[in-house]
Full PDB file with SEQRES, HELIX, SHEET, SSBOND, CRYST1, ORIGX, SCALE, CONECT and MASTER records, all heavy atoms in Angstrom:
SEQRES   1 A   43  THR GLU THR ARG LEU PRO VAL GLN PHE ASP PRO MET THR          
SEQRES   2 A   43  LEU GLU THR LEU GLY ILE TYR ASP TYR ASP ASP GLY PRO          
SEQRES   3 A   43  GLY ASP ARG LEU PRO GLY PRO ILE SER ILE ALA HIS PRO          
SEQRES   4 A   43  HIS PHE ASP PHE                                              
HELIX    1 AA1 TYR A   22  ASP A   24  5                                   3    
SHEET    1 AA1 2 VAL A   7  PHE A   9  0                                        
SHEET    2 AA1 2 THR A  16  ILE A  19 -1                                        
CRYST1    1.000    1.000    1.000  90.00  90.00  90.00 P 1           1          
ORIGX1      1.000000  0.000000  0.000000        0.00000                         
ORIGX2      0.000000  1.000000  0.000000        0.00000                         
ORIGX3      0.000000  0.000000  1.000000        0.00000                         
SCALE1      1.000000  0.000000  0.000000        0.00000                         
SCALE2      0.000000  1.000000  0.000000        0.00000                         
SCALE3      0.000000  0.000000  1.000000        0.00000                         
ATOM      1  N   THR A   1       5.763   4.179  14.036  1.00  0.00           N  
ATOM      2  CA  THR A   1       6.259   4.981  15.119  1.00  0.00           C  
ATOM      3  C   THR A   1       5.093   5.884  15.515  1.00  0.00           C  
ATOM      4  O   THR A   1       3.932   5.582  15.182  1.00  0.00           O  
ATOM      5  CB  THR A   1       7.519   5.810  14.726  1.00  0.00           C  
ATOM      6  OG1 THR A   1       7.980   6.494  15.901  1.00  0.00           O  
ATOM      7  CG2 THR A   1       7.229   6.752  13.619  1.00  0.00           C  
ATOM      8  N   GLU A   2       5.358   7.002  16.210  1.00  0.00           N  
ATOM      9  CA  GLU A   2       4.273   7.829  16.700  1.00  0.00           C  
ATOM     10  C   GLU A   2       3.968   9.055  15.820  1.00  0.00           C  
ATOM     11  O   GLU A   2       3.291  10.008  16.228  1.00  0.00           O  
ATOM     12  CB  GLU A   2       4.496   8.235  18.130  1.00  0.00           C  
ATOM     13  CG  GLU A   2       4.452   7.074  19.088  1.00  0.00           C  
ATOM     14  CD  GLU A   2       4.707   7.410  20.496  1.00  0.00           C  
ATOM     15  OE1 GLU A   2       5.498   8.295  20.775  1.00  0.00           O  
ATOM     16  OE2 GLU A   2       4.084   6.734  21.371  1.00  0.00           O  
ATOM     17  N   THR A   3       4.536   9.031  14.571  1.00  0.00           N  
ATOM     18  CA  THR A   3       4.147  10.083  13.614  1.00  0.00           C  
ATOM     19  C   THR A   3       3.196   9.469  12.584  1.00  0.00           C  
ATOM     20  O   THR A   3       2.906   8.232  12.628  1.00  0.00           O  
ATOM     21  CB  THR A   3       5.388  10.681  12.895  1.00  0.00           C  
ATOM     22  OG1 THR A   3       5.921   9.653  12.021  1.00  0.00           O  
ATOM     23  CG2 THR A   3       6.442  11.101  13.959  1.00  0.00           C  
ATOM     24  N   ARG A   4       2.788  10.264  11.649  1.00  0.00           N  
ATOM     25  CA  ARG A   4       1.873   9.780  10.584  1.00  0.00           C  
ATOM     26  C   ARG A   4       2.612   9.069   9.460  1.00  0.00           C  
ATOM     27  O   ARG A   4       2.103   8.940   8.330  1.00  0.00           O  
ATOM     28  CB  ARG A   4       1.026  10.977  10.038  1.00  0.00           C  
ATOM     29  CG  ARG A   4       1.881  12.046   9.347  1.00  0.00           C  
ATOM     30  CD  ARG A   4       1.022  13.111   8.630  1.00  0.00           C  
ATOM     31  NE  ARG A   4       0.366  12.513   7.491  1.00  0.00           N  
ATOM     32  CZ  ARG A   4      -0.952  12.526   7.328  1.00  0.00           C  
ATOM     33  NH1 ARG A   4      -1.721  13.085   8.243  1.00  0.00           N  
ATOM     34  NH2 ARG A   4      -1.512  11.995   6.270  1.00  0.00           N  
ATOM     35  N   LEU A   5       3.785   8.603   9.687  1.00  0.00           N  
ATOM     36  CA  LEU A   5       4.667   8.039   8.642  1.00  0.00           C  
ATOM     37  C   LEU A   5       5.043   6.564   8.844  1.00  0.00           C  
ATOM     38  O   LEU A   5       6.184   6.245   8.994  1.00  0.00           O  
ATOM     39  CB  LEU A   5       5.920   8.863   8.468  1.00  0.00           C  
ATOM     40  CG  LEU A   5       5.786  10.326   8.158  1.00  0.00           C  
ATOM     41  CD1 LEU A   5       7.138  11.034   8.098  1.00  0.00           C  
ATOM     42  CD2 LEU A   5       5.030  10.549   6.853  1.00  0.00           C  
ATOM     43  N   PRO A   6       4.034   5.668   8.924  1.00  0.00           N  
ATOM     44  CA  PRO A   6       4.394   4.277   8.969  1.00  0.00           C  
ATOM     45  C   PRO A   6       5.091   3.789   7.689  1.00  0.00           C  
ATOM     46  O   PRO A   6       4.834   4.379   6.594  1.00  0.00           O  
ATOM     47  CB  PRO A   6       3.047   3.558   9.139  1.00  0.00           C  
ATOM     48  CG  PRO A   6       2.053   4.509   8.602  1.00  0.00           C  
ATOM     49  CD  PRO A   6       2.578   5.857   8.830  1.00  0.00           C  
ATOM     50  N   VAL A   7       6.016   2.866   7.805  1.00  0.00           N  
ATOM     51  CA  VAL A   7       6.831   2.435   6.649  1.00  0.00           C  
ATOM     52  C   VAL A   7       6.513   0.995   6.311  1.00  0.00           C  
ATOM     53  O   VAL A   7       6.523   0.115   7.178  1.00  0.00           O  
ATOM     54  CB  VAL A   7       8.326   2.543   7.020  1.00  0.00           C  
ATOM     55  CG1 VAL A   7       9.203   2.019   5.880  1.00  0.00           C  
ATOM     56  CG2 VAL A   7       8.688   4.050   7.302  1.00  0.00           C  
ATOM     57  N   GLN A   8       6.228   0.791   5.020  1.00  0.00           N  
ATOM     58  CA  GLN A   8       5.902  -0.528   4.534  1.00  0.00           C  
ATOM     59  C   GLN A   8       7.191  -1.327   4.289  1.00  0.00           C  
ATOM     60  O   GLN A   8       8.268  -0.764   3.986  1.00  0.00           O  
ATOM     61  CB  GLN A   8       5.209  -0.434   3.168  1.00  0.00           C  
ATOM     62  CG  GLN A   8       3.957   0.430   3.166  1.00  0.00           C  
ATOM     63  CD  GLN A   8       3.458   0.704   1.763  1.00  0.00           C  
ATOM     64  OE1 GLN A   8       3.382  -0.203   0.938  1.00  0.00           O  
ATOM     65  NE2 GLN A   8       3.072   1.930   1.432  1.00  0.00           N  
ATOM     66  N   PHE A   9       7.054  -2.686   4.455  1.00  0.00           N  
ATOM     67  CA  PHE A   9       8.189  -3.546   4.182  1.00  0.00           C  
ATOM     68  C   PHE A   9       7.690  -4.889   3.764  1.00  0.00           C  
ATOM     69  O   PHE A   9       6.509  -5.275   3.979  1.00  0.00           O  
ATOM     70  CB  PHE A   9       9.175  -3.581   5.354  1.00  0.00           C  
ATOM     71  CG  PHE A   9       8.583  -4.371   6.548  1.00  0.00           C  
ATOM     72  CD1 PHE A   9       8.823  -5.732   6.701  1.00  0.00           C  
ATOM     73  CD2 PHE A   9       7.838  -3.727   7.528  1.00  0.00           C  
ATOM     74  CE1 PHE A   9       8.330  -6.452   7.765  1.00  0.00           C  
ATOM     75  CE2 PHE A   9       7.328  -4.364   8.578  1.00  0.00           C  
ATOM     76  CZ  PHE A   9       7.558  -5.731   8.786  1.00  0.00           C  
ATOM     77  N   ASP A  10       8.597  -5.670   3.089  1.00  0.00           N  
ATOM     78  CA  ASP A  10       8.281  -7.009   2.637  1.00  0.00           C  
ATOM     79  C   ASP A  10       8.634  -7.992   3.784  1.00  0.00           C  
ATOM     80  O   ASP A  10       9.784  -8.027   4.224  1.00  0.00           O  
ATOM     81  CB  ASP A  10       9.137  -7.317   1.414  1.00  0.00           C  
ATOM     82  CG  ASP A  10       8.813  -8.756   0.826  1.00  0.00           C  
ATOM     83  OD1 ASP A  10       8.515  -9.636   1.574  1.00  0.00           O  
ATOM     84  OD2 ASP A  10       8.867  -8.824  -0.414  1.00  0.00           O  
ATOM     85  N   PRO A  11       7.661  -8.734   4.312  1.00  0.00           N  
ATOM     86  CA  PRO A  11       7.938  -9.613   5.448  1.00  0.00           C  
ATOM     87  C   PRO A  11       8.865 -10.762   5.141  1.00  0.00           C  
ATOM     88  O   PRO A  11       9.463 -11.336   6.058  1.00  0.00           O  
ATOM     89  CB  PRO A  11       6.565 -10.110   5.873  1.00  0.00           C  
ATOM     90  CG  PRO A  11       5.690 -10.005   4.640  1.00  0.00           C  
ATOM     91  CD  PRO A  11       6.213  -8.770   3.917  1.00  0.00           C  
ATOM     92  N   MET A  12       9.002 -11.108   3.866  1.00  0.00           N  
ATOM     93  CA  MET A  12       9.847 -12.232   3.480  1.00  0.00           C  
ATOM     94  C   MET A  12      11.304 -11.811   3.389  1.00  0.00           C  
ATOM     95  O   MET A  12      12.209 -12.509   3.796  1.00  0.00           O  
ATOM     96  CB  MET A  12       9.383 -12.812   2.128  1.00  0.00           C  
ATOM     97  CG  MET A  12       7.906 -13.293   2.193  1.00  0.00           C  
ATOM     98  SD  MET A  12       7.555 -14.566   3.439  1.00  0.00           S  
ATOM     99  CE  MET A  12       8.614 -15.897   2.891  1.00  0.00           C  
ATOM    100  N   THR A  13      11.501 -10.580   2.791  1.00  0.00           N  
ATOM    101  CA  THR A  13      12.914 -10.142   2.563  1.00  0.00           C  
ATOM    102  C   THR A  13      13.332  -9.072   3.466  1.00  0.00           C  
ATOM    103  O   THR A  13      14.545  -8.744   3.551  1.00  0.00           O  
ATOM    104  CB  THR A  13      13.066  -9.615   1.077  1.00  0.00           C  
ATOM    105  OG1 THR A  13      12.237  -8.436   0.961  1.00  0.00           O  
ATOM    106  CG2 THR A  13      12.607 -10.696   0.102  1.00  0.00           C  
ATOM    107  N   LEU A  14      12.411  -8.475   4.203  1.00  0.00           N  
ATOM    108  CA  LEU A  14      12.647  -7.286   5.048  1.00  0.00           C  
ATOM    109  C   LEU A  14      13.047  -6.065   4.251  1.00  0.00           C  
ATOM    110  O   LEU A  14      13.572  -5.089   4.819  1.00  0.00           O  
ATOM    111  CB  LEU A  14      13.650  -7.555   6.182  1.00  0.00           C  
ATOM    112  CG  LEU A  14      13.353  -8.752   7.087  1.00  0.00           C  
ATOM    113  CD1 LEU A  14      14.377  -8.839   8.185  1.00  0.00           C  
ATOM    114  CD2 LEU A  14      11.936  -8.635   7.699  1.00  0.00           C  
ATOM    115  N   GLU A  15      12.746  -6.080   2.953  1.00  0.00           N  
ATOM    116  CA  GLU A  15      13.079  -4.923   2.131  1.00  0.00           C  
ATOM    117  C   GLU A  15      12.076  -3.804   2.439  1.00  0.00           C  
ATOM    118  O   GLU A  15      10.866  -3.993   2.534  1.00  0.00           O  
ATOM    119  CB  GLU A  15      12.947  -5.299   0.668  1.00  0.00           C  
ATOM    120  CG  GLU A  15      13.186  -4.115  -0.299  1.00  0.00           C  
ATOM    121  CD  GLU A  15      12.911  -4.420  -1.750  1.00  0.00           C  
ATOM    122  OE1 GLU A  15      12.519  -5.611  -2.013  1.00  0.00           O  
ATOM    123  OE2 GLU A  15      13.060  -3.535  -2.605  1.00  0.00           O  
ATOM    124  N   THR A  16      12.581  -2.572   2.577  1.00  0.00           N  
ATOM    125  CA  THR A  16      11.804  -1.397   2.831  1.00  0.00           C  
ATOM    126  C   THR A  16      11.133  -0.973   1.543  1.00  0.00           C  
ATOM    127  O   THR A  16      11.720  -0.871   0.535  1.00  0.00           O  
ATOM    128  CB  THR A  16      12.625  -0.223   3.432  1.00  0.00           C  
ATOM    129  OG1 THR A  16      13.204  -0.710   4.633  1.00  0.00           O  
ATOM    130  CG2 THR A  16      11.779   0.988   3.694  1.00  0.00           C  
ATOM    131  N   LEU A  17       9.759  -0.725   1.589  1.00  0.00           N  
ATOM    132  CA  LEU A  17       9.020  -0.416   0.440  1.00  0.00           C  
ATOM    133  C   LEU A  17       8.418   1.050   0.383  1.00  0.00           C  
ATOM    134  O   LEU A  17       7.674   1.371  -0.484  1.00  0.00           O  
ATOM    135  CB  LEU A  17       7.832  -1.413   0.334  1.00  0.00           C  
ATOM    136  CG  LEU A  17       8.218  -2.871   0.226  1.00  0.00           C  
ATOM    137  CD1 LEU A  17       6.973  -3.788   0.224  1.00  0.00           C  
ATOM    138  CD2 LEU A  17       9.084  -3.173  -0.989  1.00  0.00           C  
ATOM    139  N   GLY A  18       8.791   1.859   1.379  1.00  0.00           N  
ATOM    140  CA  GLY A  18       8.344   3.247   1.350  1.00  0.00           C  
ATOM    141  C   GLY A  18       7.259   3.503   2.384  1.00  0.00           C  
ATOM    142  O   GLY A  18       6.724   2.651   3.046  1.00  0.00           O  
ATOM    143  N   ILE A  19       6.909   4.794   2.475  1.00  0.00           N  
ATOM    144  CA  ILE A  19       5.935   5.286   3.412  1.00  0.00           C  
ATOM    145  C   ILE A  19       4.512   4.808   3.028  1.00  0.00           C  
ATOM    146  O   ILE A  19       4.144   4.787   1.865  1.00  0.00           O  
ATOM    147  CB  ILE A  19       5.915   6.799   3.495  1.00  0.00           C  
ATOM    148  CG1 ILE A  19       7.250   7.349   3.986  1.00  0.00           C  
ATOM    149  CG2 ILE A  19       4.731   7.374   4.327  1.00  0.00           C  
ATOM    150  CD1 ILE A  19       7.559   6.985   5.434  1.00  0.00           C  
ATOM    151  N   TYR A  20       3.723   4.398   4.044  1.00  0.00           N  
ATOM    152  CA  TYR A  20       2.300   4.175   3.794  1.00  0.00           C  
ATOM    153  C   TYR A  20       1.678   5.571   3.882  1.00  0.00           C  
ATOM    154  O   TYR A  20       1.606   6.227   4.924  1.00  0.00           O  
ATOM    155  CB  TYR A  20       1.691   3.290   4.900  1.00  0.00           C  
ATOM    156  CG  TYR A  20       0.183   3.045   4.734  1.00  0.00           C  
ATOM    157  CD1 TYR A  20      -0.289   1.959   4.075  1.00  0.00           C  
ATOM    158  CD2 TYR A  20      -0.750   4.025   5.190  1.00  0.00           C  
ATOM    159  CE1 TYR A  20      -1.675   1.724   3.919  1.00  0.00           C  
ATOM    160  CE2 TYR A  20      -2.085   3.839   5.034  1.00  0.00           C  
ATOM    161  CZ  TYR A  20      -2.559   2.715   4.367  1.00  0.00           C  
ATOM    162  OH  TYR A  20      -3.914   2.549   4.174  1.00  0.00           O  
ATOM    163  N   ASP A  21       1.184   6.060   2.722  1.00  0.00           N  
ATOM    164  CA  ASP A  21       0.670   7.412   2.614  1.00  0.00           C  
ATOM    165  C   ASP A  21      -0.862   7.456   2.864  1.00  0.00           C  
ATOM    166  O   ASP A  21      -1.619   6.961   2.019  1.00  0.00           O  
ATOM    167  CB  ASP A  21       0.988   7.996   1.263  1.00  0.00           C  
ATOM    168  CG  ASP A  21       0.734   9.482   1.203  1.00  0.00           C  
ATOM    169  OD1 ASP A  21       0.087  10.033   2.095  1.00  0.00           O  
ATOM    170  OD2 ASP A  21       1.218  10.093   0.186  1.00  0.00           O  
ATOM    171  N   TYR A  22      -1.277   7.940   4.010  1.00  0.00           N  
ATOM    172  CA  TYR A  22      -2.698   8.059   4.253  1.00  0.00           C  
ATOM    173  C   TYR A  22      -3.431   8.891   3.170  1.00  0.00           C  
ATOM    174  O   TYR A  22      -4.565   8.635   2.899  1.00  0.00           O  
ATOM    175  CB  TYR A  22      -2.929   8.714   5.648  1.00  0.00           C  
ATOM    176  CG  TYR A  22      -2.559   7.858   6.804  1.00  0.00           C  
ATOM    177  CD1 TYR A  22      -1.306   8.043   7.430  1.00  0.00           C  
ATOM    178  CD2 TYR A  22      -3.375   6.869   7.296  1.00  0.00           C  
ATOM    179  CE1 TYR A  22      -0.922   7.306   8.524  1.00  0.00           C  
ATOM    180  CE2 TYR A  22      -2.974   6.094   8.425  1.00  0.00           C  
ATOM    181  CZ  TYR A  22      -1.755   6.297   9.022  1.00  0.00           C  
ATOM    182  OH  TYR A  22      -1.369   5.536  10.094  1.00  0.00           O  
ATOM    183  N   ASP A  23      -2.735   9.900   2.655  1.00  0.00           N  
ATOM    184  CA  ASP A  23      -3.337  10.778   1.671  1.00  0.00           C  
ATOM    185  C   ASP A  23      -3.644  10.124   0.359  1.00  0.00           C  
ATOM    186  O   ASP A  23      -4.379  10.633  -0.511  1.00  0.00           O  
ATOM    187  CB  ASP A  23      -2.452  11.994   1.450  1.00  0.00           C  
ATOM    188  CG  ASP A  23      -2.429  12.913   2.688  1.00  0.00           C  
ATOM    189  OD1 ASP A  23      -3.346  12.769   3.498  1.00  0.00           O  
ATOM    190  OD2 ASP A  23      -1.410  13.672   2.846  1.00  0.00           O  
ATOM    191  N   ASP A  24      -3.015   8.883   0.143  1.00  0.00           N  
ATOM    192  CA  ASP A  24      -3.272   8.137  -1.072  1.00  0.00           C  
ATOM    193  C   ASP A  24      -4.566   7.376  -1.037  1.00  0.00           C  
ATOM    194  O   ASP A  24      -5.065   6.900  -2.048  1.00  0.00           O  
ATOM    195  CB  ASP A  24      -2.110   7.198  -1.401  1.00  0.00           C  
ATOM    196  CG  ASP A  24      -0.952   7.930  -2.036  1.00  0.00           C  
ATOM    197  OD1 ASP A  24      -1.144   9.094  -2.446  1.00  0.00           O  
ATOM    198  OD2 ASP A  24       0.107   7.330  -2.171  1.00  0.00           O  
ATOM    199  N   GLY A  25      -5.088   7.133   0.182  1.00  0.00           N  
ATOM    200  CA  GLY A  25      -6.279   6.322   0.324  1.00  0.00           C  
ATOM    201  C   GLY A  25      -7.559   7.114  -0.016  1.00  0.00           C  
ATOM    202  O   GLY A  25      -7.628   8.310   0.166  1.00  0.00           O  
ATOM    203  N   PRO A  26      -8.574   6.387  -0.489  1.00  0.00           N  
ATOM    204  CA  PRO A  26      -9.848   7.072  -0.801  1.00  0.00           C  
ATOM    205  C   PRO A  26     -10.552   7.453   0.537  1.00  0.00           C  
ATOM    206  O   PRO A  26     -10.379   6.792   1.577  1.00  0.00           O  
ATOM    207  CB  PRO A  26     -10.672   5.981  -1.488  1.00  0.00           C  
ATOM    208  CG  PRO A  26     -10.060   4.655  -1.029  1.00  0.00           C  
ATOM    209  CD  PRO A  26      -8.612   4.964  -0.785  1.00  0.00           C  
ATOM    210  N   GLY A  27     -11.373   8.490   0.409  1.00  0.00           N  
ATOM    211  CA  GLY A  27     -12.154   8.909   1.595  1.00  0.00           C  
ATOM    212  C   GLY A  27     -11.593  10.177   2.248  1.00  0.00           C  
ATOM    213  O   GLY A  27     -10.960  10.964   1.614  1.00  0.00           O  
ATOM    214  N   ASP A  28     -11.871  10.343   3.546  1.00  0.00           N  
ATOM    215  CA  ASP A  28     -11.554  11.577   4.268  1.00  0.00           C  
ATOM    216  C   ASP A  28     -10.037  11.796   4.398  1.00  0.00           C  
ATOM    217  O   ASP A  28      -9.267  10.856   4.510  1.00  0.00           O  
ATOM    218  CB  ASP A  28     -12.195  11.527   5.647  1.00  0.00           C  
ATOM    219  CG  ASP A  28     -13.691  11.489   5.671  1.00  0.00           C  
ATOM    220  OD1 ASP A  28     -14.242  11.972   4.645  1.00  0.00           O  
ATOM    221  OD2 ASP A  28     -14.298  10.959   6.607  1.00  0.00           O  
ATOM    222  N   ARG A  29      -9.663  13.069   4.362  1.00  0.00           N  
ATOM    223  CA  ARG A  29      -8.307  13.436   4.596  1.00  0.00           C  
ATOM    224  C   ARG A  29      -7.978  13.347   6.106  1.00  0.00           C  
ATOM    225  O   ARG A  29      -8.866  13.529   6.953  1.00  0.00           O  
ATOM    226  CB  ARG A  29      -8.015  14.835   4.105  1.00  0.00           C  
ATOM    227  CG  ARG A  29      -8.266  15.062   2.635  1.00  0.00           C  
ATOM    228  CD  ARG A  29      -7.344  14.228   1.753  1.00  0.00           C  
ATOM    229  NE  ARG A  29      -7.883  12.923   1.451  1.00  0.00           N  
ATOM    230  CZ  ARG A  29      -7.192  11.900   0.940  1.00  0.00           C  
ATOM    231  NH1 ARG A  29      -5.897  12.042   0.725  1.00  0.00           N  
ATOM    232  NH2 ARG A  29      -7.744  10.756   0.688  1.00  0.00           N  
ATOM    233  N   LEU A  30      -6.690  13.175   6.408  1.00  0.00           N  
ATOM    234  CA  LEU A  30      -6.264  12.976   7.783  1.00  0.00           C  
ATOM    235  C   LEU A  30      -5.117  13.914   8.095  1.00  0.00           C  
ATOM    236  O   LEU A  30      -3.961  13.452   8.187  1.00  0.00           O  
ATOM    237  CB  LEU A  30      -5.891  11.521   8.052  1.00  0.00           C  
ATOM    238  CG  LEU A  30      -6.976  10.466   7.831  1.00  0.00           C  
ATOM    239  CD1 LEU A  30      -6.441   9.086   7.850  1.00  0.00           C  
ATOM    240  CD2 LEU A  30      -8.124  10.651   8.802  1.00  0.00           C  
ATOM    241  N   PRO A  31      -5.373  15.163   8.351  1.00  0.00           N  
ATOM    242  CA  PRO A  31      -4.263  16.090   8.638  1.00  0.00           C  
ATOM    243  C   PRO A  31      -3.709  15.869  10.036  1.00  0.00           C  
ATOM    244  O   PRO A  31      -4.423  15.413  10.928  1.00  0.00           O  
ATOM    245  CB  PRO A  31      -4.934  17.487   8.508  1.00  0.00           C  
ATOM    246  CG  PRO A  31      -6.334  17.212   8.858  1.00  0.00           C  
ATOM    247  CD  PRO A  31      -6.652  15.850   8.302  1.00  0.00           C  
ATOM    248  N   GLY A  32      -2.481  16.236  10.225  1.00  0.00           N  
ATOM    249  CA  GLY A  32      -1.834  16.152  11.505  1.00  0.00           C  
ATOM    250  C   GLY A  32      -0.568  15.371  11.510  1.00  0.00           C  
ATOM    251  O   GLY A  32      -0.470  14.385  10.774  1.00  0.00           O  
ATOM    252  N   PRO A  33       0.448  15.782  12.304  1.00  0.00           N  
ATOM    253  CA  PRO A  33       1.717  15.100  12.292  1.00  0.00           C  
ATOM    254  C   PRO A  33       1.847  13.879  13.179  1.00  0.00           C  
ATOM    255  O   PRO A  33       2.729  13.057  12.997  1.00  0.00           O  
ATOM    256  CB  PRO A  33       2.705  16.205  12.743  1.00  0.00           C  
ATOM    257  CG  PRO A  33       1.847  17.008  13.738  1.00  0.00           C  
ATOM    258  CD  PRO A  33       0.478  17.014  13.077  1.00  0.00           C  
ATOM    259  N   ILE A  34       0.967  13.783  14.205  1.00  0.00           N  
ATOM    260  CA  ILE A  34       1.104  12.761  15.230  1.00  0.00           C  
ATOM    261  C   ILE A  34      -0.004  11.730  15.082  1.00  0.00           C  
ATOM    262  O   ILE A  34      -1.163  12.052  14.938  1.00  0.00           O  
ATOM    263  CB  ILE A  34       1.062  13.406  16.655  1.00  0.00           C  
ATOM    264  CG1 ILE A  34       2.154  14.453  16.793  1.00  0.00           C  
ATOM    265  CG2 ILE A  34       1.186  12.285  17.704  1.00  0.00           C  
ATOM    266  CD1 ILE A  34       3.574  13.904  16.606  1.00  0.00           C  
ATOM    267  N   SER A  35       0.408  10.424  15.105  1.00  0.00           N  
ATOM    268  CA  SER A  35      -0.583   9.408  15.119  1.00  0.00           C  
ATOM    269  C   SER A  35      -0.217   8.405  16.277  1.00  0.00           C  
ATOM    270  O   SER A  35       0.403   8.837  17.245  1.00  0.00           O  
ATOM    271  CB  SER A  35      -0.673   8.681  13.804  1.00  0.00           C  
ATOM    272  OG  SER A  35      -1.727   7.769  13.779  1.00  0.00           O  
ATOM    273  N   ILE A  36      -0.546   7.165  16.112  1.00  0.00           N  
ATOM    274  CA  ILE A  36      -0.365   6.182  17.213  1.00  0.00           C  
ATOM    275  C   ILE A  36       0.259   4.938  16.619  1.00  0.00           C  
ATOM    276  O   ILE A  36       0.047   4.562  15.493  1.00  0.00           O  
ATOM    277  CB  ILE A  36      -1.695   5.926  17.876  1.00  0.00           C  
ATOM    278  CG1 ILE A  36      -1.536   5.408  19.311  1.00  0.00           C  
ATOM    279  CG2 ILE A  36      -2.574   4.962  17.076  1.00  0.00           C  
ATOM    280  CD1 ILE A  36      -2.804   5.565  20.176  1.00  0.00           C  
ATOM    281  N   ALA A  37       1.122   4.279  17.480  1.00  0.00           N  
ATOM    282  CA  ALA A  37       1.798   3.091  17.041  1.00  0.00           C  
ATOM    283  C   ALA A  37       1.019   1.787  17.295  1.00  0.00           C  
ATOM    284  O   ALA A  37       1.456   0.730  16.984  1.00  0.00           O  
ATOM    285  CB  ALA A  37       3.142   2.986  17.759  1.00  0.00           C  
ATOM    286  N   HIS A  38      -0.205   1.955  17.847  1.00  0.00           N  
ATOM    287  CA  HIS A  38      -1.034   0.783  18.200  1.00  0.00           C  
ATOM    288  C   HIS A  38      -2.463   0.944  17.669  1.00  0.00           C  
ATOM    289  O   HIS A  38      -3.381   1.200  18.433  1.00  0.00           O  
ATOM    290  CB  HIS A  38      -1.087   0.584  19.730  1.00  0.00           C  
ATOM    291  CG  HIS A  38       0.271   0.182  20.268  1.00  0.00           C  
ATOM    292  ND1 HIS A  38       0.868  -1.004  20.028  1.00  0.00           N  
ATOM    293  CD2 HIS A  38       1.078   0.907  21.113  1.00  0.00           C  
ATOM    294  CE1 HIS A  38       2.004  -1.057  20.718  1.00  0.00           C  
ATOM    295  NE2 HIS A  38       2.174   0.066  21.350  1.00  0.00           N  
ATOM    296  N   PRO A  39      -2.662   0.848  16.337  1.00  0.00           N  
ATOM    297  CA  PRO A  39      -4.004   0.875  15.854  1.00  0.00           C  
ATOM    298  C   PRO A  39      -4.773  -0.396  16.246  1.00  0.00           C  
ATOM    299  O   PRO A  39      -4.120  -1.373  16.604  1.00  0.00           O  
ATOM    300  CB  PRO A  39      -3.816   0.919  14.294  1.00  0.00           C  
ATOM    301  CG  PRO A  39      -2.504   0.241  14.109  1.00  0.00           C  
ATOM    302  CD  PRO A  39      -1.602   0.649  15.290  1.00  0.00           C  
ATOM    303  N   HIS A  40      -6.094  -0.335  16.230  1.00  0.00           N  
ATOM    304  CA  HIS A  40      -6.885  -1.535  16.492  1.00  0.00           C  
ATOM    305  C   HIS A  40      -7.505  -2.100  15.252  1.00  0.00           C  
ATOM    306  O   HIS A  40      -7.628  -1.356  14.241  1.00  0.00           O  
ATOM    307  CB  HIS A  40      -7.980  -1.166  17.503  1.00  0.00           C  
ATOM    308  CG  HIS A  40      -7.637  -1.192  18.929  1.00  0.00           C  
ATOM    309  ND1 HIS A  40      -7.358  -2.420  19.556  1.00  0.00           N  
ATOM    310  CD2 HIS A  40      -7.433  -0.239  19.845  1.00  0.00           C  
ATOM    311  CE1 HIS A  40      -7.048  -2.202  20.816  1.00  0.00           C  
ATOM    312  NE2 HIS A  40      -7.080  -0.882  21.018  1.00  0.00           N  
ATOM    313  N   PHE A  41      -7.900  -3.354  15.325  1.00  0.00           N  
ATOM    314  CA  PHE A  41      -8.602  -3.959  14.192  1.00  0.00           C  
ATOM    315  C   PHE A  41      -9.878  -4.659  14.733  1.00  0.00           C  
ATOM    316  O   PHE A  41      -9.764  -5.446  15.697  1.00  0.00           O  
ATOM    317  CB  PHE A  41      -7.751  -4.982  13.433  1.00  0.00           C  
ATOM    318  CG  PHE A  41      -8.413  -5.478  12.178  1.00  0.00           C  
ATOM    319  CD1 PHE A  41      -8.505  -4.694  11.051  1.00  0.00           C  
ATOM    320  CD2 PHE A  41      -9.016  -6.722  12.159  1.00  0.00           C  
ATOM    321  CE1 PHE A  41      -9.117  -5.133   9.952  1.00  0.00           C  
ATOM    322  CE2 PHE A  41      -9.626  -7.207  11.030  1.00  0.00           C  
ATOM    323  CZ  PHE A  41      -9.698  -6.426   9.896  1.00  0.00           C  
ATOM    324  N   ASP A  42     -11.017  -4.321  14.151  1.00  0.00           N  
ATOM    325  CA  ASP A  42     -12.286  -4.964  14.445  1.00  0.00           C  
ATOM    326  C   ASP A  42     -12.531  -6.096  13.470  1.00  0.00           C  
ATOM    327  O   ASP A  42     -12.770  -5.814  12.279  1.00  0.00           O  
ATOM    328  CB  ASP A  42     -13.387  -3.924  14.448  1.00  0.00           C  
ATOM    329  CG  ASP A  42     -14.736  -4.463  14.862  1.00  0.00           C  
ATOM    330  OD1 ASP A  42     -15.085  -5.612  14.477  1.00  0.00           O  
ATOM    331  OD2 ASP A  42     -15.465  -3.728  15.608  1.00  0.00           O  
ATOM    332  N   PHE A  43     -12.423  -7.346  13.878  1.00  0.00           N  
ATOM    333  CA  PHE A  43     -12.522  -8.484  12.978  1.00  0.00           C  
ATOM    334  C   PHE A  43     -13.913  -8.643  12.397  1.00  0.00           C  
ATOM    335  O   PHE A  43     -14.094  -9.070  11.286  1.00  0.00           O  
ATOM    336  CB  PHE A  43     -12.130  -9.783  13.700  1.00  0.00           C  
ATOM    337  CG  PHE A  43     -10.640  -9.781  14.035  1.00  0.00           C  
ATOM    338  CD1 PHE A  43     -10.167  -9.298  15.222  1.00  0.00           C  
ATOM    339  CD2 PHE A  43      -9.727 -10.321  13.113  1.00  0.00           C  
ATOM    340  CE1 PHE A  43      -8.815  -9.304  15.541  1.00  0.00           C  
ATOM    341  CE2 PHE A  43      -8.372 -10.337  13.403  1.00  0.00           C  
ATOM    342  CZ  PHE A  43      -7.939  -9.875  14.606  1.00  0.00           C  
TER     343      PHE A  43                                                      
MASTER        0    0    0    1    2    0    0    6  342    1    0    4          
END                                                                             
């Protein structure tokens, strides 16, 4: 959605697996409540 709280799920069972926590990732911190629902990927 458009907050910083994307939700993980299992594509086979559609079971919800919890929040993807940006703060758990290594590297820079990402403060702020609002993000975007359309990230890009550079192949």
